[in-house]
Amino acid sequence: MAISPNDTFTSGQILTAQECNQYPFGIVAFTQSTSSDTFTTAEKVMLTSTSFTAIANRYYKVTYYEPKQLSSAGTSESEARIRLTNISGAVQQIGYIGTGSVVQQSQIVQVITTFAAGATTVCATQTAATGTTTLGRSATVKAFIMVEDIGPA
């Protein structure tokens, strides 16, 4: 367990910096998009997070959410990746969903990982097994990528 559980607090105890650093720091990067887009069998960057400063030996949860996908093919498979930096960066996680010309799907891909200390950027990419997949986004149908610090590793 990364965080030492506190099960008893007594009057007069002092909360230390070390104890505070065991708690999650919360959201450290967030980007959203309301603009529709498309992708094909060629991998394409769909969202890139803002750069954040990673701290060594901490867990980060990266979440990529795509609210609406519709394929031009009768049936296809959508492959979403969370990568470091850009389209050629190291893959952190892959998620798959089946898409079709009639069925609309949402997709969420998450990974919990550690990063090297320093400036860090993550991105979300997509590819389709066949055809063209349309991402339907709007002011109330938002795609996002979010990075959260969830505590010490």
Protein backbone atom coordinates (compact mmCIF):
# COMPACT_ATOMS: atom_id res chain seq x y z
CA MET A 1 0.00 0.00 0.00
CA ALA A 2 1.49 3.33 -1.05
CA ILE A 3 -0.31 5.51 1.48
CA SER A 4 0.02 4.64 5.16
CA PRO A 5 -3.55 4.47 6.45
CA ASN A 6 -4.42 6.71 9.33
CA ASP A 7 -6.99 5.00 11.49
CA THR A 8 -6.69 6.99 14.69
CA PHE A 9 -6.22 10.70 15.25
CA THR A 10 -5.80 12.11 18.70
CA SER A 11 -6.00 15.67 19.91
CA GLY A 12 -2.65 17.43 19.80
CA GLN A 13 -1.06 15.38 17.01
CA ILE A 14 0.95 17.31 14.44
CA LEU A 15 0.45 16.65 10.73
CA THR A 16 3.90 16.50 9.10
CA ALA A 17 5.06 17.36 5.57
CA GLN A 18 5.95 13.70 5.04
CA GLU A 19 2.39 12.67 5.90
CA CYS A 20 0.95 15.36 3.61
CA ASN A 21 3.11 14.13 0.72
CA GLN A 22 1.48 10.70 1.02
CA TYR A 23 -1.82 12.13 -0.17
CA PRO A 24 -2.74 12.49 -3.86
CA PHE A 25 -2.01 15.85 -5.48
CA GLY A 26 -5.05 15.61 -7.81
CA ILE A 27 -5.34 16.70 -11.44
CA VAL A 28 -1.98 17.78 -12.90
CA ALA A 29 -2.94 17.97 -16.62
CA PHE A 30 -6.26 18.19 -18.45
CA THR A 31 -7.29 18.86 -22.05
CA GLN A 32 -10.71 18.54 -23.63
CA SER A 33 -12.10 18.87 -27.14
CA THR A 34 -15.55 19.74 -28.46
CA SER A 35 -14.48 19.54 -32.13
CA SER A 36 -15.54 16.49 -34.13
CA ASP A 37 -12.79 14.56 -35.89
CA THR A 38 -12.14 11.41 -37.93
CA PHE A 39 -9.50 8.71 -38.12
CA THR A 40 -8.73 5.76 -40.37
CA THR A 41 -6.33 2.82 -40.33
CA ALA A 42 -3.43 5.27 -39.93
CA GLU A 43 -2.76 6.14 -36.27
CA LYS A 44 -3.71 9.73 -35.48
CA VAL A 45 -3.25 11.91 -32.39
CA MET A 46 -6.68 12.82 -31.04
CA LEU A 47 -5.78 14.73 -27.85
CA THR A 48 -2.54 15.86 -26.20
CA SER A 49 -2.32 16.85 -22.54
CA THR A 50 -0.73 20.01 -21.38
CA SER A 51 2.79 19.42 -20.16
CA PHE A 52 3.17 18.81 -16.44
CA THR A 53 6.12 18.21 -14.15
CA ALA A 54 6.14 14.60 -13.05
CA ILE A 55 7.62 13.62 -9.71
CA ALA A 56 9.59 10.37 -9.52
CA ASN A 57 8.16 7.55 -7.42
CA ARG A 58 4.53 8.69 -7.62
CA TYR A 59 1.60 6.98 -9.30
CA TYR A 60 -0.29 8.82 -12.03
CA LYS A 61 -3.66 7.84 -13.45
CA VAL A 62 -4.12 8.83 -17.10
CA THR A 63 -7.67 8.76 -18.46
CA TYR A 64 -8.68 9.20 -22.12
CA TYR A 65 -12.41 9.46 -22.79
CA GLU A 66 -14.00 9.57 -26.22
CA PRO A 67 -17.79 10.09 -25.94
CA LYS A 68 -19.09 9.12 -29.39
CA GLN A 69 -17.63 6.97 -32.17
CA LEU A 70 -19.33 5.81 -35.37
CA SER A 71 -17.63 3.78 -38.11
CA SER A 72 -18.22 4.05 -41.87
CA ALA A 73 -17.60 0.31 -42.12
CA GLY A 74 -20.35 -2.17 -41.33
CA THR A 75 -18.30 -3.30 -38.35
CA SER A 76 -14.84 -2.28 -37.29
CA GLU A 77 -12.61 -2.08 -34.25
CA SER A 78 -11.30 1.13 -32.76
CA GLU A 79 -7.93 1.01 -31.00
CA ALA A 80 -7.10 3.83 -28.61
CA ARG A 81 -3.63 4.31 -27.18
CA ILE A 82 -2.24 6.45 -24.40
CA ARG A 83 1.31 7.41 -25.38
CA LEU A 84 4.10 9.53 -23.96
CA THR A 85 4.81 12.79 -25.77
CA ASN A 86 3.46 12.16 -29.30
CA ILE A 87 2.52 9.53 -31.88
CA SER A 88 5.98 7.95 -31.74
CA GLY A 89 6.17 7.99 -27.94
CA ALA A 90 6.12 4.91 -25.75
CA VAL A 91 2.71 3.21 -25.48
CA GLN A 92 1.38 3.24 -21.91
CA GLN A 93 -1.97 1.50 -22.50
CA ILE A 94 -4.19 0.24 -25.34
CA GLY A 95 -7.97 -0.12 -25.33
CA TYR A 96 -10.29 -1.61 -27.97
CA ILE A 97 -13.98 -1.28 -28.79
CA GLY A 98 -16.14 -2.57 -31.62
CA THR A 99 -17.73 0.13 -33.75
CA GLY A 100 -20.24 -0.01 -36.56
CA SER A 101 -22.21 2.11 -38.99
CA VAL A 102 -25.33 1.95 -36.82
CA VAL A 103 -23.99 1.51 -33.28
CA GLN A 104 -22.40 4.50 -31.56
CA GLN A 105 -19.88 3.74 -28.82
CA SER A 106 -18.10 5.60 -26.05
CA GLN A 107 -14.57 4.61 -25.15
CA ILE A 108 -12.48 5.06 -22.05
CA VAL A 109 -8.85 4.00 -21.65
CA GLN A 110 -7.00 4.32 -18.35
CA VAL A 111 -3.57 3.47 -17.06
CA ILE A 112 -1.91 3.82 -13.68
CA THR A 113 1.82 4.25 -14.03
CA THR A 114 4.89 6.13 -12.83
CA PHE A 115 6.89 8.63 -14.90
CA ALA A 116 10.47 9.81 -14.78
CA ALA A 117 10.87 13.12 -12.97
CA GLY A 118 10.57 16.20 -15.15
CA ALA A 119 8.46 17.70 -17.93
CA THR A 120 6.00 15.08 -19.18
CA THR A 121 3.35 15.07 -21.90
CA VAL A 122 0.88 12.30 -22.72
CA CYS A 123 -1.34 11.98 -25.77
CA ALA A 124 -4.25 9.86 -26.95
CA THR A 125 -4.21 8.29 -30.41
CA GLN A 126 -6.73 6.24 -32.38
CA THR A 127 -6.70 3.81 -35.31
CA ALA A 128 -9.51 1.91 -37.03
CA ALA A 129 -9.30 -1.67 -38.26
CA THR A 130 -11.24 -0.69 -41.42
CA GLY A 131 -12.99 2.35 -42.86
CA THR A 132 -13.22 5.79 -41.32
CA THR A 133 -14.40 6.39 -37.77
CA THR A 134 -16.06 9.68 -36.88
CA LEU A 135 -15.76 11.15 -33.41
CA GLY A 136 -18.90 13.13 -32.65
CA ARG A 137 -18.05 15.88 -30.21
CA SER A 138 -19.87 19.06 -29.21
CA ALA A 139 -20.25 21.50 -26.34
CA THR A 140 -22.04 18.82 -24.34
CA VAL A 141 -20.24 15.80 -25.84
CA LYS A 142 -16.62 16.40 -24.83
CA ALA A 143 -13.58 14.20 -25.28
CA PHE A 144 -10.79 14.60 -22.74
CA ILE A 145 -7.43 13.39 -21.53
CA MET A 146 -6.65 13.86 -17.85
CA VAL A 147 -3.62 13.08 -15.70
CA GLU A 148 -4.07 12.72 -11.93
CA ASP A 149 -1.39 12.28 -9.27
CA ILE A 150 -2.79 9.55 -7.02
CA GLY A 151 0.01 9.18 -4.49
CA PRO A 152 3.42 7.69 -3.80
CA ALA A 153 4.51 4.51 -5.59
